[in-house]
Amino acid sequence: MPGLNFWAIAVATVAAFVASSLWYAFFGKARIKLLGNDEGATADMRKVRPLKIFIEILRSFVVTYVLARFVVLLDVADWRSAVRLGLWVWIGFPLMILVGSVLWDKRPWKLAAIHAGDWLVKIVLMAAILGVWHK
């Protein structure tokens, strides 16, 4: 697709992965506690298998790529517009999905808040990088 900047996509993907890793390093213990310390429900973040790291980077790439297409289609070309786009995407997708997990799956709202915060940081960061680097 014309207008896609693959360097921006790569940088935004890595930035999102790093930001998410730092997020869960900070909130990891609270997350595990909210999951009832169930070893089957969560991974030990100190011993993550390389395949899981690869899959997580791939997930970040897919989200970044889709967001990059939105940036191009909507002609977002500055960080403010990009951040607004990131906020709307966050509200419409991860936030609403996580609210559903609280409502229907009886997940603790604090756990959903941890995940929602991670997604907010990642999506806004991705969008800002993509928006600034778009033109």
C-alpha atoms as a PDB file:
ATOM      1  CA  MET A   1       0.000   0.000   0.000  1.00  0.00           C
ATOM      2  CA  PRO A   2       1.468   3.366  -0.997  1.00  0.00           C
ATOM      3  CA  GLY A   3       2.316   5.581   1.933  1.00  0.00           C
ATOM      4  CA  LEU A   4       3.182   2.812   4.389  1.00  0.00           C
ATOM      5  CA  ASN A   5       6.535   3.411   6.001  1.00  0.00           C
ATOM      6  CA  PHE A   6       7.939   0.036   6.949  1.00  0.00           C
ATOM      7  CA  TRP A   7      10.720   1.571   9.053  1.00  0.00           C
ATOM      8  CA  ALA A   8       8.083   3.389  11.106  1.00  0.00           C
ATOM      9  CA  ILE A   9       6.115   0.142  11.432  1.00  0.00           C
ATOM     10  CA  ALA A  10       9.230  -1.705  12.614  1.00  0.00           C
ATOM     11  CA  VAL A  11      10.175   0.991  15.133  1.00  0.00           C
ATOM     12  CA  ALA A  12       6.591   1.273  16.433  1.00  0.00           C
ATOM     13  CA  THR A  13       6.402  -2.514  16.797  1.00  0.00           C
ATOM     14  CA  VAL A  14       9.610  -2.676  18.834  1.00  0.00           C
ATOM     15  CA  ALA A  15       8.598   0.369  20.901  1.00  0.00           C
ATOM     16  CA  ALA A  16       5.224  -1.223  21.701  1.00  0.00           C
ATOM     17  CA  PHE A  17       6.885  -4.498  22.705  1.00  0.00           C
ATOM     18  CA  VAL A  18       9.362  -2.700  24.978  1.00  0.00           C
ATOM     19  CA  ALA A  19       6.658  -0.492  26.520  1.00  0.00           C
ATOM     20  CA  SER A  20       4.444  -3.511  27.170  1.00  0.00           C
ATOM     21  CA  SER A  21       7.333  -5.436  28.702  1.00  0.00           C
ATOM     22  CA  LEU A  22       8.039  -2.536  31.052  1.00  0.00           C
ATOM     23  CA  TRP A  23       4.318  -2.210  31.851  1.00  0.00           C
ATOM     24  CA  TYR A  24       4.049  -5.830  32.928  1.00  0.00           C
ATOM     25  CA  ALA A  25       7.378  -5.702  34.763  1.00  0.00           C
ATOM     26  CA  PHE A  26       5.798  -2.966  36.866  1.00  0.00           C
ATOM     27  CA  PHE A  27       2.270  -4.453  37.161  1.00  0.00           C
ATOM     28  CA  GLY A  28       3.200  -8.148  36.881  1.00  0.00           C
ATOM     29  CA  LYS A  29       2.903  -9.022  40.563  1.00  0.00           C
ATOM     30  CA  ALA A  30      -0.508  -7.352  40.827  1.00  0.00           C
ATOM     31  CA  ARG A  31      -1.623  -9.209  37.693  1.00  0.00           C
ATOM     32  CA  ILE A  32      -0.535 -12.574  39.098  1.00  0.00           C
ATOM     33  CA  LYS A  33      -2.258 -11.844  42.406  1.00  0.00           C
ATOM     34  CA  LEU A  34      -5.488 -10.924  40.589  1.00  0.00           C
ATOM     35  CA  LEU A  35      -5.301 -14.248  38.750  1.00  0.00           C
ATOM     36  CA  GLY A  36      -5.201 -16.025  42.106  1.00  0.00           C
ATOM     37  CA  ASN A  37      -1.523 -16.992  41.832  1.00  0.00           C
ATOM     38  CA  ASP A  38      -2.636 -19.744  39.456  1.00  0.00           C
ATOM     39  CA  GLU A  39       0.504 -20.879  37.628  1.00  0.00           C
ATOM     40  CA  GLY A  40      -1.629 -22.257  34.804  1.00  0.00           C
ATOM     41  CA  ALA A  41      -3.315 -18.896  34.242  1.00  0.00           C
ATOM     42  CA  THR A  42      -0.185 -16.832  33.835  1.00  0.00           C
ATOM     43  CA  ALA A  43       3.388 -17.134  32.713  1.00  0.00           C
ATOM     44  CA  ASP A  44       6.392 -16.413  34.875  1.00  0.00           C
ATOM     45  CA  MET A  45       7.595 -13.248  33.165  1.00  0.00           C
ATOM     46  CA  ARG A  46      11.189 -14.022  34.162  1.00  0.00           C
ATOM     47  CA  LYS A  47      11.207 -17.275  32.160  1.00  0.00           C
ATOM     48  CA  VAL A  48       9.347 -16.485  28.940  1.00  0.00           C
ATOM     49  CA  ARG A  49      10.002 -18.917  26.117  1.00  0.00           C
ATOM     50  CA  PRO A  50      11.463 -17.495  22.893  1.00  0.00           C
ATOM     51  CA  LEU A  51       8.419 -18.706  20.931  1.00  0.00           C
ATOM     52  CA  LYS A  52       6.107 -16.629  23.153  1.00  0.00           C
ATOM     53  CA  ILE A  53       8.343 -13.588  22.682  1.00  0.00           C
ATOM     54  CA  PHE A  54       8.223 -14.103  18.911  1.00  0.00           C
ATOM     55  CA  ILE A  55       4.426 -14.447  18.946  1.00  0.00           C
ATOM     56  CA  GLU A  56       4.081 -11.316  21.089  1.00  0.00           C
ATOM     57  CA  ILE A  57       6.266  -9.332  18.672  1.00  0.00           C
ATOM     58  CA  LEU A  58       4.177 -10.707  15.797  1.00  0.00           C
ATOM     59  CA  ARG A  59       0.972  -9.608  17.585  1.00  0.00           C
ATOM     60  CA  SER A  60       2.453  -6.135  18.042  1.00  0.00           C
ATOM     61  CA  PHE A  61       3.435  -6.058  14.372  1.00  0.00           C
ATOM     62  CA  VAL A  62      -0.104  -6.936  13.239  1.00  0.00           C
ATOM     63  CA  VAL A  63      -1.639  -4.196  15.402  1.00  0.00           C
ATOM     64  CA  THR A  64       0.993  -1.697  14.233  1.00  0.00           C
ATOM     65  CA  TYR A  65       0.437  -2.612  10.584  1.00  0.00           C
ATOM     66  CA  VAL A  66      -3.339  -2.189  10.864  1.00  0.00           C
ATOM     67  CA  LEU A  67      -2.868   1.116  12.671  1.00  0.00           C
ATOM     68  CA  ALA A  68      -0.410   2.234   9.954  1.00  0.00           C
ATOM     69  CA  ARG A  69      -3.077   1.557   7.334  1.00  0.00           C
ATOM     70  CA  PHE A  70      -5.505   3.747   9.283  1.00  0.00           C
ATOM     71  CA  VAL A  71      -2.852   6.475   9.461  1.00  0.00           C
ATOM     72  CA  VAL A  72      -2.416   6.368   5.681  1.00  0.00           C
ATOM     73  CA  LEU A  73      -6.133   6.090   4.853  1.00  0.00           C
ATOM     74  CA  LEU A  74      -7.016   8.958   7.204  1.00  0.00           C
ATOM     75  CA  ASP A  75      -3.955  10.983   6.140  1.00  0.00           C
ATOM     76  CA  VAL A  76      -2.779  11.456   9.715  1.00  0.00           C
ATOM     77  CA  ALA A  77       0.414  13.472   9.527  1.00  0.00           C
ATOM     78  CA  ASP A  78       1.178  14.910  12.959  1.00  0.00           C
ATOM     79  CA  TRP A  79       1.516  13.577  16.473  1.00  0.00           C
ATOM     80  CA  ARG A  80      -1.652  15.230  17.828  1.00  0.00           C
ATOM     81  CA  SER A  81      -3.891  13.682  15.185  1.00  0.00           C
ATOM     82  CA  ALA A  82      -2.082  10.388  15.637  1.00  0.00           C
ATOM     83  CA  VAL A  83      -2.632  10.407  19.403  1.00  0.00           C
ATOM     84  CA  ARG A  84      -6.344  11.172  18.846  1.00  0.00           C
ATOM     85  CA  LEU A  85      -6.569   8.259  16.421  1.00  0.00           C
ATOM     86  CA  GLY A  86      -4.799   6.024  18.939  1.00  0.00           C
ATOM     87  CA  LEU A  87      -7.240   7.025  21.676  1.00  0.00           C
ATOM     88  CA  TRP A  88     -10.287   6.319  19.485  1.00  0.00           C
ATOM     89  CA  VAL A  89      -8.894   2.934  18.436  1.00  0.00           C
ATOM     90  CA  TRP A  90      -8.153   2.100  22.083  1.00  0.00           C
ATOM     91  CA  ILE A  91     -11.654   3.083  23.227  1.00  0.00           C
ATOM     92  CA  GLY A  92     -13.356   1.210  20.400  1.00  0.00           C
ATOM     93  CA  PHE A  93     -11.472  -2.040  20.613  1.00  0.00           C
ATOM     94  CA  PRO A  94      -9.281  -3.158  23.545  1.00  0.00           C
ATOM     95  CA  LEU A  95     -11.121  -1.087  26.149  1.00  0.00           C
ATOM     96  CA  MET A  96     -14.557  -2.332  25.079  1.00  0.00           C
ATOM     97  CA  ILE A  97     -13.326  -5.929  24.866  1.00  0.00           C
ATOM     98  CA  LEU A  98     -11.870  -5.680  28.374  1.00  0.00           C
ATOM     99  CA  VAL A  99     -15.080  -4.128  29.737  1.00  0.00           C
ATOM    100  CA  GLY A 100     -16.858  -7.146  28.258  1.00  0.00           C
ATOM    101  CA  SER A 101     -14.494  -9.492  30.074  1.00  0.00           C
ATOM    102  CA  VAL A 102     -15.421  -7.827  33.362  1.00  0.00           C
ATOM    103  CA  LEU A 103     -19.124  -7.799  32.559  1.00  0.00           C
ATOM    104  CA  TRP A 104     -19.536 -11.288  31.096  1.00  0.00           C
ATOM    105  CA  ASP A 105     -16.527 -13.335  32.241  1.00  0.00           C
ATOM    106  CA  LYS A 106     -16.395 -11.933  35.768  1.00  0.00           C
ATOM    107  CA  ARG A 107     -12.762 -10.912  35.409  1.00  0.00           C
ATOM    108  CA  PRO A 108     -11.609  -8.515  38.142  1.00  0.00           C
ATOM    109  CA  TRP A 109     -11.909  -4.895  37.024  1.00  0.00           C
ATOM    110  CA  LYS A 110      -8.401  -4.247  38.346  1.00  0.00           C
ATOM    111  CA  LEU A 111      -7.033  -6.913  36.012  1.00  0.00           C
ATOM    112  CA  ALA A 112      -8.908  -5.366  33.091  1.00  0.00           C
ATOM    113  CA  ALA A 113      -7.510  -1.964  34.099  1.00  0.00           C
ATOM    114  CA  ILE A 114      -3.949  -3.330  34.009  1.00  0.00           C
ATOM    115  CA  HIS A 115      -4.493  -4.724  30.516  1.00  0.00           C
ATOM    116  CA  ALA A 116      -6.356  -1.591  29.364  1.00  0.00           C
ATOM    117  CA  GLY A 117      -3.468   0.591  30.525  1.00  0.00           C
ATOM    118  CA  ASP A 118      -1.012  -1.563  28.608  1.00  0.00           C
ATOM    119  CA  TRP A 119      -3.098  -1.274  25.455  1.00  0.00           C
ATOM    120  CA  LEU A 120      -3.507   2.475  25.899  1.00  0.00           C
ATOM    121  CA  VAL A 121       0.238   3.008  26.163  1.00  0.00           C
ATOM    122  CA  LYS A 122       0.990   0.689  23.223  1.00  0.00           C
ATOM    123  CA  ILE A 123      -1.614   2.033  20.826  1.00  0.00           C
ATOM    124  CA  VAL A 124      -0.938   5.708  21.540  1.00  0.00           C
ATOM    125  CA  LEU A 125       2.809   5.123  21.242  1.00  0.00           C
ATOM    126  CA  MET A 126       2.397   3.224  17.957  1.00  0.00           C
ATOM    127  CA  ALA A 127       0.050   5.868  16.549  1.00  0.00           C
ATOM    128  CA  ALA A 128       2.355   8.730  17.536  1.00  0.00           C
ATOM    129  CA  ILE A 129       5.371   7.097  15.883  1.00  0.00           C
ATOM    130  CA  LEU A 130       3.384   6.265  12.757  1.00  0.00           C
ATOM    131  CA  GLY A 131       1.784   9.713  12.554  1.00  0.00           C
ATOM    132  CA  VAL A 132       5.034  11.621  12.928  1.00  0.00           C
ATOM    133  CA  TRP A 133       6.858   9.370  10.459  1.00  0.00           C
ATOM    134  CA  HIS A 134       3.991   9.138   7.931  1.00  0.00           C
ATOM    135  CA  LYS A 135       4.839  12.056   5.640  1.00  0.00           C
END
